């Protein structure tokens, strides 16, 4: 029996891209999850330790209809699930409500540091981003940088020349969540001829390379 080995994601992306299909119901459930250890004394006082600085995000989708036959939506989604071997392989997901930023500040230069991690702010919470969708626009102190002035690996921007002290760094671009399916099974139900529904399909991941 052979066992597949997970390899780290390449700088160019995070694997296959989750397909966009028309049968999805309105309202995708999105759940952030942290991991906190809590110890409560008999007096009621608590001591807590946070094990995760950044959450894992769980997405739950529901499809009202998936057409078989000429449209092949059923085969597209089911085939994608089979290709990932259930929860084994990671893939890219573009969250329609959180997949891009415009003029997002991510650092301030100090004249000596040449590399900075790209981040995005979500309701005041700052989270690193490692899985970019294409090459973003990088602006240093109000000046748009040429693509040759920097390189990006896993969201880490490295400049040929360290940005000047006090120079605000911003970026404009889009990104993916790197996710995996939660379960190793998916329940497709046929309710009419060549029409199927999928009541729940969940995957978990992060803008970071956590899974």
N, C-alpha and C. Protein backbone atom coordinates (compact mmCIF):
# COMPACT_ATOMS: atom_id res chain seq x y z
N UNK A 1 0.85 -1.20 0.00
CA UNK A 1 0.00 0.00 0.00
C UNK A 1 0.88 1.24 0.00
N UNK A 2 0.68 2.13 -0.97
CA UNK A 2 1.48 3.35 -1.05
C UNK A 2 0.79 4.48 -0.33
N UNK A 3 1.57 5.38 0.25
CA UNK A 3 1.06 6.53 0.98
C UNK A 3 1.58 7.80 0.32
N UNK A 4 0.66 8.69 -0.08
CA UNK A 4 1.08 9.94 -0.71
C UNK A 4 1.64 10.88 0.34
N UNK A 5 2.61 11.68 -0.06
CA UNK A 5 3.28 12.62 0.83
C UNK A 5 2.91 14.04 0.42
N UNK A 6 2.53 14.85 1.40
CA UNK A 6 2.20 16.25 1.13
C UNK A 6 3.48 17.04 0.96
N UNK A 7 3.57 17.82 -0.10
CA UNK A 7 4.72 18.69 -0.32
C UNK A 7 4.31 20.13 -0.08
N UNK A 8 5.23 20.99 0.34
CA UNK A 8 4.89 22.39 0.59
C UNK A 8 4.40 23.08 -0.67
N UNK A 9 3.53 24.08 -0.55
CA UNK A 9 3.03 24.78 -1.72
C UNK A 9 4.14 25.55 -2.41
N UNK A 10 4.04 25.66 -3.72
CA UNK A 10 5.03 26.43 -4.46
C UNK A 10 4.71 27.91 -4.35
N UNK A 11 5.72 28.77 -4.55
CA UNK A 11 5.46 30.22 -4.49
C UNK A 11 4.46 30.68 -5.53
N UNK A 12 4.31 29.90 -6.62
CA UNK A 12 3.44 30.32 -7.70
C UNK A 12 1.96 30.13 -7.39
N UNK A 13 1.60 29.40 -6.34
CA UNK A 13 0.19 29.18 -6.05
C UNK A 13 -0.01 28.13 -4.99
N UNK A 14 -1.28 27.80 -4.76
CA UNK A 14 -1.59 26.85 -3.70
C UNK A 14 -2.34 25.65 -4.23
N UNK A 15 -2.16 25.30 -5.48
CA UNK A 15 -2.78 24.10 -6.01
C UNK A 15 -3.94 24.39 -6.93
N UNK A 16 -4.86 23.42 -7.06
CA UNK A 16 -6.02 23.57 -7.93
C UNK A 16 -6.96 24.65 -7.40
N UNK A 17 -7.76 25.22 -8.29
CA UNK A 17 -8.69 26.29 -7.93
C UNK A 17 -10.10 25.72 -7.84
N UNK A 18 -10.76 25.96 -6.70
CA UNK A 18 -12.12 25.47 -6.50
C UNK A 18 -13.04 26.05 -7.57
N UNK A 19 -13.86 25.21 -8.23
CA UNK A 19 -14.68 25.70 -9.35
C UNK A 19 -15.85 26.58 -8.89
N UNK A 20 -16.21 27.53 -9.72
CA UNK A 20 -17.37 28.39 -9.48
C UNK A 20 -18.54 27.85 -10.29
N UNK A 21 -19.63 27.48 -9.60
CA UNK A 21 -20.79 26.87 -10.26
C UNK A 21 -22.05 27.65 -9.92
N UNK A 22 -23.05 27.66 -10.80
CA UNK A 22 -24.24 28.51 -10.61
C UNK A 22 -25.25 27.99 -9.61
N UNK A 23 -25.17 26.75 -9.17
CA UNK A 23 -26.23 26.18 -8.35
C UNK A 23 -26.13 26.46 -6.87
N UNK A 24 -25.17 27.26 -6.43
CA UNK A 24 -24.97 27.47 -5.00
C UNK A 24 -26.09 28.34 -4.42
N UNK A 25 -26.54 27.97 -3.21
CA UNK A 25 -27.55 28.75 -2.52
C UNK A 25 -26.94 30.04 -1.99
N UNK A 26 -27.78 31.06 -1.84
CA UNK A 26 -27.30 32.32 -1.28
C UNK A 26 -27.00 32.13 0.21
N UNK A 27 -25.88 32.64 0.65
CA UNK A 27 -25.53 32.54 2.05
C UNK A 27 -24.53 31.44 2.32
N UNK A 28 -23.26 31.76 2.22
CA UNK A 28 -22.19 30.82 2.52
C UNK A 28 -21.77 31.01 3.97
N UNK A 29 -21.76 29.92 4.72
CA UNK A 29 -21.35 30.01 6.12
C UNK A 29 -19.84 30.09 6.22
N UNK A 30 -19.34 31.07 6.98
CA UNK A 30 -17.91 31.29 7.15
C UNK A 30 -17.60 31.41 8.63
N UNK A 31 -16.75 30.52 9.14
CA UNK A 31 -16.55 30.43 10.59
C UNK A 31 -15.07 30.46 10.94
N UNK A 32 -14.60 31.52 11.62
CA UNK A 32 -13.22 31.52 12.12
C UNK A 32 -13.12 30.71 13.41
N UNK A 33 -12.00 30.03 13.60
CA UNK A 33 -11.82 29.21 14.79
C UNK A 33 -10.41 29.36 15.34
N UNK A 34 -10.33 29.66 16.64
CA UNK A 34 -9.06 29.70 17.35
C UNK A 34 -8.94 28.46 18.24
N UNK A 35 -7.83 28.35 18.93
CA UNK A 35 -7.59 27.22 19.83
C UNK A 35 -7.05 27.79 21.14
N UNK A 36 -7.91 27.85 22.15
CA UNK A 36 -7.56 28.43 23.44
C UNK A 36 -7.64 27.38 24.54
N UNK A 37 -6.60 27.30 25.35
CA UNK A 37 -6.59 26.42 26.52
C UNK A 37 -7.01 27.23 27.74
N UNK A 38 -8.02 26.76 28.44
CA UNK A 38 -8.55 27.48 29.59
C UNK A 38 -8.47 26.61 30.85
N UNK A 39 -7.89 27.15 31.89
CA UNK A 39 -7.85 26.46 33.19
C UNK A 39 -8.56 27.34 34.21
N UNK A 40 -9.59 26.79 34.85
CA UNK A 40 -10.36 27.53 35.84
C UNK A 40 -10.09 26.97 37.23
N UNK A 41 -9.68 27.83 38.15
CA UNK A 41 -9.44 27.42 39.53
C UNK A 41 -10.78 27.27 40.26
N UNK A 42 -10.74 26.60 41.40
CA UNK A 42 -11.96 26.40 42.17
C UNK A 42 -12.56 27.73 42.62
N UNK A 43 -11.74 28.76 42.70
CA UNK A 43 -12.23 30.09 43.09
C UNK A 43 -12.95 30.79 41.95
N UNK A 44 -12.82 30.24 40.73
CA UNK A 44 -13.47 30.85 39.58
C UNK A 44 -12.54 31.64 38.68
N UNK A 45 -11.32 31.91 39.16
CA UNK A 45 -10.35 32.64 38.34
C UNK A 45 -9.87 31.73 37.19
N UNK A 46 -9.64 32.34 36.06
CA UNK A 46 -9.21 31.59 34.87
C UNK A 46 -7.82 32.01 34.41
N UNK A 47 -7.11 31.03 33.88
CA UNK A 47 -5.86 31.27 33.17
C UNK A 47 -6.05 30.72 31.76
N UNK A 48 -5.79 31.55 30.76
CA UNK A 48 -5.99 31.13 29.38
C UNK A 48 -4.70 31.28 28.58
N UNK A 49 -4.50 30.37 27.65
CA UNK A 49 -3.35 30.41 26.75
C UNK A 49 -3.84 30.24 25.32
N UNK A 50 -3.47 31.18 24.47
CA UNK A 50 -3.86 31.11 23.06
C UNK A 50 -2.84 30.30 22.27
N UNK A 51 -3.30 29.26 21.62
CA UNK A 51 -2.41 28.41 20.83
C UNK A 51 -2.30 28.86 19.37
N UNK A 52 -3.20 29.72 18.94
CA UNK A 52 -3.21 30.16 17.55
C UNK A 52 -3.30 31.68 17.51
N UNK A 53 -2.34 32.30 16.82
CA UNK A 53 -2.40 33.75 16.63
C UNK A 53 -3.38 34.13 15.53
N UNK A 54 -3.48 33.25 14.52
CA UNK A 54 -4.37 33.49 13.39
C UNK A 54 -5.31 32.30 13.25
N UNK A 55 -6.57 32.55 12.91
CA UNK A 55 -7.56 31.47 12.91
C UNK A 55 -7.49 30.58 11.69
N UNK A 56 -8.13 29.43 11.81
CA UNK A 56 -8.52 28.63 10.66
C UNK A 56 -9.95 29.02 10.31
N UNK A 57 -10.21 29.15 9.02
CA UNK A 57 -11.54 29.54 8.55
C UNK A 57 -12.22 28.34 7.92
N UNK A 58 -13.44 28.05 8.36
CA UNK A 58 -14.23 26.96 7.76
C UNK A 58 -15.33 27.56 6.91
N UNK A 59 -15.42 27.13 5.66
CA UNK A 59 -16.46 27.56 4.73
C UNK A 59 -17.41 26.38 4.50
N UNK A 60 -18.71 26.64 4.55
CA UNK A 60 -19.72 25.61 4.29
C UNK A 60 -20.62 26.10 3.17
N UNK A 61 -20.66 25.35 2.07
CA UNK A 61 -21.44 25.70 0.89
C UNK A 61 -22.57 24.69 0.72
N UNK A 62 -23.65 25.13 0.11
CA UNK A 62 -24.79 24.26 -0.19
C UNK A 62 -25.25 24.53 -1.62
N UNK A 63 -25.44 23.48 -2.39
CA UNK A 63 -25.83 23.61 -3.79
C UNK A 63 -27.26 23.11 -3.98
N UNK A 64 -28.15 23.99 -4.48
CA UNK A 64 -29.53 23.62 -4.73
C UNK A 64 -29.66 22.67 -5.90
N UNK A 65 -28.88 22.92 -6.93
CA UNK A 65 -28.95 22.04 -8.09
C UNK A 65 -27.59 21.94 -8.77
N UNK A 66 -27.29 20.75 -9.23
CA UNK A 66 -26.11 20.46 -10.02
C UNK A 66 -26.57 19.63 -11.20
N UNK A 67 -26.40 20.15 -12.40
CA UNK A 67 -26.92 19.48 -13.58
C UNK A 67 -25.93 18.45 -14.12
N UNK A 68 -26.46 17.30 -14.44
CA UNK A 68 -25.68 16.28 -15.13
C UNK A 68 -25.93 16.44 -16.62
N UNK A 69 -25.21 15.69 -17.42
CA UNK A 69 -25.43 15.78 -18.86
C UNK A 69 -24.58 16.85 -19.49
N UNK A 70 -25.20 17.66 -20.37
CA UNK A 70 -24.44 18.62 -21.19
C UNK A 70 -23.73 19.67 -20.34
N UNK A 71 -24.36 20.14 -19.25
CA UNK A 71 -23.74 21.19 -18.45
C UNK A 71 -22.60 20.67 -17.57
N UNK A 72 -22.70 19.41 -17.17
CA UNK A 72 -21.61 18.72 -16.46
C UNK A 72 -21.21 19.38 -15.15
N UNK A 73 -22.14 20.12 -14.50
CA UNK A 73 -21.80 20.73 -13.21
C UNK A 73 -21.58 19.68 -12.13
N UNK A 74 -22.39 18.64 -12.16
CA UNK A 74 -22.22 17.54 -11.21
C UNK A 74 -20.84 16.92 -11.35
N UNK A 75 -20.47 16.59 -12.58
CA UNK A 75 -19.17 15.95 -12.80
C UNK A 75 -18.02 16.90 -12.48
N UNK A 76 -18.21 18.19 -12.70
CA UNK A 76 -17.15 19.16 -12.39
C UNK A 76 -16.86 19.18 -10.90
N UNK A 77 -17.91 19.29 -10.08
CA UNK A 77 -17.72 19.37 -8.63
C UNK A 77 -17.31 18.04 -8.04
N UNK A 78 -17.98 16.96 -8.47
CA UNK A 78 -17.63 15.64 -7.96
C UNK A 78 -16.23 15.24 -8.40
N UNK A 79 -15.89 15.56 -9.66
CA UNK A 79 -14.56 15.25 -10.15
C UNK A 79 -13.49 16.01 -9.39
N UNK A 80 -13.77 17.28 -9.04
CA UNK A 80 -12.81 18.07 -8.26
C UNK A 80 -12.60 17.44 -6.89
N UNK A 81 -13.69 17.02 -6.24
CA UNK A 81 -13.59 16.38 -4.93
C UNK A 81 -12.76 15.10 -5.02
N UNK A 82 -12.98 14.32 -6.07
CA UNK A 82 -12.24 13.07 -6.25
C UNK A 82 -10.76 13.34 -6.52
N UNK A 83 -10.47 14.38 -7.29
CA UNK A 83 -9.07 14.71 -7.58
C UNK A 83 -8.31 15.09 -6.32
N UNK A 84 -8.99 15.71 -5.37
CA UNK A 84 -8.33 16.11 -4.11
C UNK A 84 -8.24 14.95 -3.13
N UNK A 85 -8.85 13.81 -3.49
CA UNK A 85 -8.87 12.63 -2.60
C UNK A 85 -9.49 12.99 -1.25
N UNK A 86 -10.65 13.64 -1.32
CA UNK A 86 -11.33 14.05 -0.10
C UNK A 86 -10.54 15.12 0.63
N UNK A 87 -10.24 14.88 1.88
CA UNK A 87 -9.57 15.89 2.72
C UNK A 87 -8.06 15.88 2.57
N UNK A 88 -7.52 15.09 1.64
CA UNK A 88 -6.07 14.94 1.55
C UNK A 88 -5.36 16.16 0.97
N UNK A 89 -5.77 16.61 -0.21
CA UNK A 89 -5.01 17.65 -0.92
C UNK A 89 -5.56 19.04 -0.62
N UNK A 90 -4.67 20.01 -0.57
CA UNK A 90 -5.06 21.41 -0.42
C UNK A 90 -5.33 22.02 -1.79
N UNK A 91 -6.18 23.05 -1.80
CA UNK A 91 -6.50 23.73 -3.04
C UNK A 91 -6.79 25.20 -2.74
N UNK A 92 -6.96 25.99 -3.79
CA UNK A 92 -7.22 27.42 -3.65
C UNK A 92 -8.71 27.70 -3.68
N UNK A 93 -9.13 28.65 -2.84
CA UNK A 93 -10.53 29.09 -2.84
C UNK A 93 -10.55 30.61 -2.83
N UNK A 94 -11.30 31.19 -3.73
CA UNK A 94 -11.46 32.65 -3.78
C UNK A 94 -12.78 33.00 -3.10
N UNK A 95 -12.69 33.53 -1.89
CA UNK A 95 -13.88 33.90 -1.14
C UNK A 95 -14.49 35.15 -1.78
N UNK A 96 -15.73 35.08 -2.27
CA UNK A 96 -16.31 36.24 -2.96
C UNK A 96 -16.35 37.50 -2.11
N UNK A 97 -16.41 37.35 -0.78
CA UNK A 97 -16.51 38.52 0.09
C UNK A 97 -15.17 38.96 0.66
N UNK A 98 -14.11 38.22 0.36
CA UNK A 98 -12.81 38.55 0.96
C UNK A 98 -11.70 37.95 0.10
N UNK A 99 -11.44 38.59 -1.03
CA UNK A 99 -10.42 38.05 -1.93
C UNK A 99 -9.51 39.13 -2.54
N UNK A 100 -9.68 40.38 -2.11
CA UNK A 100 -8.86 41.44 -2.71
C UNK A 100 -8.78 42.64 -1.77
N UNK A 101 -7.75 43.44 -1.96
CA UNK A 101 -7.57 44.68 -1.20
C UNK A 101 -7.15 45.78 -2.16
N UNK A 102 -7.38 47.02 -1.73
CA UNK A 102 -6.96 48.20 -2.50
C UNK A 102 -6.23 49.13 -1.55
N UNK A 103 -5.00 49.46 -1.89
CA UNK A 103 -4.16 50.35 -1.08
C UNK A 103 -4.11 49.92 0.38
N UNK A 104 -3.90 48.62 0.59
CA UNK A 104 -3.80 48.07 1.93
C UNK A 104 -2.40 48.29 2.50
N UNK A 105 -2.31 49.00 3.61
CA UNK A 105 -1.02 49.22 4.26
C UNK A 105 -0.56 47.93 4.92
N UNK A 106 0.73 47.58 4.74
CA UNK A 106 1.22 46.36 5.36
C UNK A 106 2.55 46.53 6.10
N UNK A 107 3.16 47.69 6.01
CA UNK A 107 4.43 47.92 6.73
C UNK A 107 4.85 49.37 6.57
N UNK A 108 5.86 49.75 7.36
CA UNK A 108 6.51 51.06 7.24
C UNK A 108 8.01 50.85 7.20
N UNK A 109 8.66 51.42 6.21
CA UNK A 109 10.10 51.24 6.05
C UNK A 109 10.90 51.85 7.19
N UNK A 110 12.10 51.28 7.41
CA UNK A 110 13.00 51.82 8.43
C UNK A 110 14.38 52.13 7.88
N UNK A 111 14.53 51.99 6.55
CA UNK A 111 15.80 52.29 5.92
C UNK A 111 16.80 51.16 5.94
N UNK A 112 16.48 50.07 6.65
CA UNK A 112 17.41 48.95 6.76
C UNK A 112 16.78 47.61 6.41
N UNK A 113 15.49 47.42 6.73
CA UNK A 113 14.82 46.13 6.50
C UNK A 113 14.38 46.03 5.05
N UNK A 114 14.80 44.97 4.33
CA UNK A 114 14.44 44.86 2.92
C UNK A 114 13.20 44.02 2.64
N UNK A 115 12.72 43.23 3.63
CA UNK A 115 11.63 42.29 3.38
C UNK A 115 10.49 42.50 4.37
N UNK A 116 9.27 42.40 3.86
CA UNK A 116 8.08 42.60 4.67
C UNK A 116 6.99 41.62 4.23
N UNK A 117 6.23 41.10 5.20
CA UNK A 117 5.14 40.18 4.89
C UNK A 117 3.87 40.97 4.55
N UNK A 118 3.25 40.58 3.45
CA UNK A 118 1.99 41.20 3.06
C UNK A 118 0.90 40.77 4.03
N UNK A 119 0.03 41.71 4.38
CA UNK A 119 -1.10 41.44 5.27
C UNK A 119 -2.36 42.07 4.69
N UNK A 120 -3.49 41.69 5.27
CA UNK A 120 -4.74 42.36 4.96
C UNK A 120 -5.51 42.55 6.27
N UNK A 121 -6.27 43.64 6.33
CA UNK A 121 -7.05 43.96 7.52
C UNK A 121 -8.49 43.55 7.30
N UNK A 122 -9.05 42.81 8.26
CA UNK A 122 -10.44 42.35 8.17
C UNK A 122 -11.16 42.83 9.42
N UNK A 123 -11.89 43.94 9.30
CA UNK A 123 -12.59 44.50 10.44
C UNK A 123 -11.67 44.89 11.57
N UNK A 124 -10.46 45.35 11.24
CA UNK A 124 -9.49 45.75 12.26
C UNK A 124 -8.53 44.66 12.65
N UNK A 125 -8.79 43.41 12.25
CA UNK A 125 -7.90 42.30 12.55
C UNK A 125 -6.91 42.14 11.40
N UNK A 126 -5.62 42.16 11.72
CA UNK A 126 -4.57 42.08 10.70
C UNK A 126 -4.10 40.63 10.57
N UNK A 127 -4.13 40.12 9.35
CA UNK A 127 -3.78 38.72 9.09
C UNK A 127 -2.82 38.64 7.91
N UNK A 128 -1.73 37.87 8.02
CA UNK A 128 -0.81 37.72 6.90
C UNK A 128 -1.47 37.00 5.72
N UNK A 129 -1.00 37.31 4.53
CA UNK A 129 -1.49 36.69 3.30
C UNK A 129 -0.30 36.07 2.57
N UNK A 130 -0.40 34.78 2.26
CA UNK A 130 0.70 34.09 1.58
C UNK A 130 0.35 33.64 0.17
N UNK A 131 -0.94 33.52 -0.13
CA UNK A 131 -1.35 32.95 -1.42
C UNK A 131 -1.95 34.03 -2.31
N UNK A 132 -1.09 34.67 -3.08
CA UNK A 132 -1.50 35.76 -3.94
C UNK A 132 -2.03 35.25 -5.27
N UNK A 133 -3.00 35.96 -5.79
CA UNK A 133 -3.57 35.67 -7.10
C UNK A 133 -2.96 36.66 -8.10
N UNK A 134 -1.84 36.27 -8.68
CA UNK A 134 -1.13 37.17 -9.57
C UNK A 134 -0.17 38.07 -8.81
N UNK A 135 0.49 38.94 -9.54
CA UNK A 135 1.46 39.87 -8.94
C UNK A 135 0.76 41.15 -8.53
N UNK A 136 0.82 41.51 -7.25
CA UNK A 136 0.13 42.72 -6.80
C UNK A 136 0.90 43.99 -7.17
N UNK A 137 0.21 45.13 -7.07
CA UNK A 137 0.88 46.42 -7.19
C UNK A 137 1.42 46.81 -5.82
N UNK A 138 2.69 47.17 -5.77
CA UNK A 138 3.34 47.56 -4.52
C UNK A 138 3.69 49.04 -4.61
N UNK A 139 3.29 49.80 -3.59
CA UNK A 139 3.56 51.23 -3.54
C UNK A 139 4.39 51.52 -2.29
N UNK A 140 5.47 52.26 -2.45
CA UNK A 140 6.35 52.64 -1.34
C UNK A 140 6.39 54.16 -1.25
N UNK A 141 5.91 54.69 -0.14
CA UNK A 141 5.92 56.14 0.04
C UNK A 141 5.19 56.88 -1.06
N UNK A 142 4.11 56.30 -1.58
CA UNK A 142 3.32 56.94 -2.62
C UNK A 142 3.80 56.69 -4.03
N UNK A 143 4.91 55.94 -4.21
CA UNK A 143 5.47 55.68 -5.53
C UNK A 143 5.24 54.22 -5.92
N UNK A 144 4.57 54.00 -7.05
CA UNK A 144 4.34 52.65 -7.55
C UNK A 144 5.66 52.02 -7.95
N UNK A 145 5.93 50.81 -7.46
CA UNK A 145 7.19 50.14 -7.73
C UNK A 145 7.10 49.29 -9.00
N UNK A 146 8.15 49.32 -9.78
CA UNK A 146 8.23 48.45 -10.95
C UNK A 146 8.37 47.00 -10.49
N UNK A 147 7.82 46.04 -11.24
CA UNK A 147 7.92 44.63 -10.85
C UNK A 147 9.36 44.15 -10.65
N UNK A 148 10.31 44.83 -11.30
CA UNK A 148 11.71 44.44 -11.16
C UNK A 148 12.34 44.96 -9.86
N UNK A 149 11.61 45.83 -9.13
CA UNK A 149 12.17 46.43 -7.91
C UNK A 149 11.96 45.54 -6.68
N UNK A 150 11.20 44.46 -6.84
CA UNK A 150 10.93 43.59 -5.70
C UNK A 150 10.63 42.18 -6.20
N UNK A 151 10.69 41.23 -5.26
CA UNK A 151 10.27 39.86 -5.53
C UNK A 151 9.35 39.42 -4.41
N UNK A 152 8.47 38.45 -4.71
CA UNK A 152 7.51 37.96 -3.71
C UNK A 152 7.54 36.45 -3.67
N UNK A 153 7.73 35.89 -2.49
CA UNK A 153 7.66 34.45 -2.26
C UNK A 153 6.76 34.22 -1.05
N UNK A 154 5.64 33.50 -1.26
CA UNK A 154 4.69 33.24 -0.18
C UNK A 154 4.26 34.51 0.56
N UNK A 155 4.04 35.57 -0.21
CA UNK A 155 3.56 36.82 0.38
C UNK A 155 4.63 37.67 1.03
N UNK A 156 5.87 37.22 1.03
CA UNK A 156 6.97 38.00 1.60
C UNK A 156 7.59 38.84 0.49
N UNK A 157 7.47 40.17 0.63
CA UNK A 157 7.99 41.09 -0.38
C UNK A 157 9.42 41.47 -0.02
N UNK A 158 10.34 41.21 -0.94
CA UNK A 158 11.75 41.55 -0.74
C UNK A 158 12.14 42.60 -1.78
N UNK A 159 12.63 43.74 -1.29
CA UNK A 159 13.00 44.85 -2.16
C UNK A 159 14.49 44.81 -2.47
N UNK A 160 14.84 45.26 -3.67
CA UNK A 160 16.25 45.36 -4.04
C UNK A 160 16.95 46.39 -3.16
N UNK A 161 16.22 47.44 -2.80
CA UNK A 161 16.73 48.47 -1.89
C UNK A 161 15.74 48.65 -0.75
N UNK A 162 16.22 48.60 0.48
CA UNK A 162 15.34 48.74 1.63
C UNK A 162 14.56 50.05 1.57
N UNK A 163 13.26 50.02 1.79
CA UNK A 163 12.46 51.25 1.78
C UNK A 163 12.96 52.25 2.82
N UNK A 164 12.84 53.51 2.49
CA UNK A 164 13.32 54.58 3.38
C UNK A 164 12.54 54.60 4.68
N UNK A 165 13.18 55.11 5.71
CA UNK A 165 12.53 55.22 7.02
C UNK A 165 11.28 56.09 6.92
N UNK A 166 10.19 55.59 7.46
CA UNK A 166 8.93 56.33 7.45
C UNK A 166 8.09 56.14 6.21
N UNK A 167 8.62 55.44 5.18
CA UNK A 167 7.87 55.22 3.94
C UNK A 167 6.79 54.16 4.18
N UNK A 168 5.55 54.51 3.90
CA UNK A 168 4.44 53.58 4.09
C UNK A 168 4.34 52.65 2.88
N UNK A 169 4.23 51.35 3.15
CA UNK A 169 4.14 50.34 2.10
C UNK A 169 2.68 49.89 1.98
N UNK A 170 2.15 49.92 0.77
CA UNK A 170 0.78 49.46 0.52
C UNK A 170 0.77 48.52 -0.67
N UNK A 171 -0.29 47.72 -0.75
CA UNK A 171 -0.43 46.81 -1.89
C UNK A 171 -1.87 46.76 -2.36
N UNK A 172 -2.05 46.51 -3.64
CA UNK A 172 -3.35 46.33 -4.26
C UNK A 172 -3.30 45.03 -5.06
N UNK A 173 -4.24 44.15 -4.79
CA UNK A 173 -4.24 42.88 -5.50
C UNK A 173 -5.25 41.93 -4.90
N UNK A 174 -5.23 40.68 -5.37
CA UNK A 174 -6.17 39.68 -4.89
C UNK A 174 -5.41 38.47 -4.36
N UNK A 175 -6.12 37.64 -3.61
CA UNK A 175 -5.48 36.51 -2.96
C UNK A 175 -6.46 35.35 -2.80
N UNK A 176 -5.92 34.19 -2.48
CA UNK A 176 -6.71 32.99 -2.24
C UNK A 176 -6.62 32.56 -0.78
N UNK A 177 -7.59 31.76 -0.37
CA UNK A 177 -7.46 30.95 0.83
C UNK A 177 -6.91 29.59 0.40
N UNK A 178 -5.93 29.08 1.14
CA UNK A 178 -5.45 27.72 0.91
C UNK A 178 -6.24 26.81 1.85
N UNK A 179 -7.01 25.89 1.28
CA UNK A 179 -7.96 25.11 2.07
C UNK A 179 -7.88 23.62 1.70
N UNK A 180 -8.56 22.82 2.49
CA UNK A 180 -8.77 21.40 2.20
C UNK A 180 -10.20 21.05 2.61
N UNK A 181 -10.76 20.01 2.01
CA UNK A 181 -12.08 19.55 2.41
C UNK A 181 -12.05 19.03 3.84
N UNK A 182 -13.11 19.28 4.59
CA UNK A 182 -13.19 18.83 5.98
C UNK A 182 -13.36 17.32 6.06
N UNK A 183 -14.17 16.77 5.15
CA UNK A 183 -14.50 15.34 5.20
C UNK A 183 -13.94 14.60 4.00
N UNK A 184 -13.88 13.29 4.15
CA UNK A 184 -13.45 12.42 3.07
C UNK A 184 -14.63 11.91 2.24
N UNK A 185 -15.83 12.40 2.52
CA UNK A 185 -17.01 11.98 1.77
C UNK A 185 -17.87 13.19 1.46
N UNK A 186 -18.69 13.09 0.40
CA UNK A 186 -19.63 14.13 0.02
C UNK A 186 -20.91 13.45 -0.44
N UNK A 187 -22.07 13.97 -0.02
CA UNK A 187 -23.36 13.33 -0.27
C UNK A 187 -24.12 14.08 -1.36
N UNK A 188 -24.09 13.56 -2.58
CA UNK A 188 -24.83 14.11 -3.70
C UNK A 188 -26.16 13.38 -3.81
N UNK A 189 -27.28 14.12 -3.84
CA UNK A 189 -28.61 13.51 -3.87
C UNK A 189 -29.32 13.90 -5.17
N UNK A 190 -29.86 12.90 -5.88
CA UNK A 190 -30.61 13.16 -7.10
C UNK A 190 -32.08 13.39 -6.73
N UNK A 191 -32.64 14.55 -7.14
CA UNK A 191 -34.04 14.84 -6.82
C UNK A 191 -34.91 14.93 -8.06
N UNK A 192 -34.30 15.02 -9.26
CA UNK A 192 -35.03 14.94 -10.52
C UNK A 192 -34.08 14.36 -11.56
N UNK A 193 -34.60 14.10 -12.72
CA UNK A 193 -33.78 13.54 -13.79
C UNK A 193 -32.64 14.50 -14.12
N UNK A 194 -31.40 14.03 -13.97
CA UNK A 194 -30.18 14.78 -14.26
C UNK A 194 -30.03 16.03 -13.39
N UNK A 195 -30.71 16.05 -12.25
CA UNK A 195 -30.57 17.16 -11.31
C UNK A 195 -30.21 16.61 -9.93
N UNK A 196 -29.15 17.18 -9.35
CA UNK A 196 -28.65 16.72 -8.05
C UNK A 196 -28.52 17.91 -7.11
N UNK A 197 -28.52 17.62 -5.82
CA UNK A 197 -28.24 18.65 -4.82
C UNK A 197 -27.16 18.16 -3.88
N UNK A 198 -26.45 19.09 -3.31
CA UNK A 198 -25.41 18.80 -2.32
C UNK A 198 -25.69 19.72 -1.13
N UNK A 199 -26.25 19.14 -0.07
CA UNK A 199 -26.73 19.96 1.05
C UNK A 199 -25.60 20.65 1.80
N UNK A 200 -24.43 20.03 1.83
CA UNK A 200 -23.33 20.64 2.59
C UNK A 200 -21.99 20.18 2.07
N UNK A 201 -21.12 21.13 1.83
CA UNK A 201 -19.74 20.85 1.44
C UNK A 201 -18.86 21.84 2.19
N UNK A 202 -17.99 21.32 3.04
CA UNK A 202 -17.19 22.19 3.90
C UNK A 202 -15.71 22.03 3.62
N UNK A 203 -15.00 23.14 3.70
CA UNK A 203 -13.54 23.09 3.64
C UNK A 203 -12.97 24.10 4.61
N UNK A 204 -11.75 23.86 5.04
CA UNK A 204 -11.12 24.66 6.09
C UNK A 204 -9.74 25.09 5.65
N UNK A 205 -9.34 26.32 6.01
CA UNK A 205 -8.02 26.79 5.63
C UNK A 205 -7.80 28.22 6.06
N UNK A 206 -6.94 28.92 5.32
CA UNK A 206 -6.48 30.23 5.76
C UNK A 206 -5.81 30.95 4.59
N UNK A 207 -5.72 32.30 4.65
CA UNK A 207 -4.87 33.00 3.68
C UNK A 207 -3.40 32.61 3.83
N UNK A 208 -3.04 32.05 5.00
CA UNK A 208 -1.70 31.50 5.24
C UNK A 208 -1.64 30.08 4.71
N UNK A 209 -0.43 29.53 4.67
CA UNK A 209 -0.25 28.14 4.26
C UNK A 209 -0.33 27.21 5.48
N UNK A 210 -1.52 27.15 6.07
CA UNK A 210 -1.71 26.35 7.28
C UNK A 210 -2.07 24.90 6.99
N UNK A 211 -2.73 24.67 5.85
CA UNK A 211 -3.18 23.32 5.55
C UNK A 211 -2.51 22.83 4.26
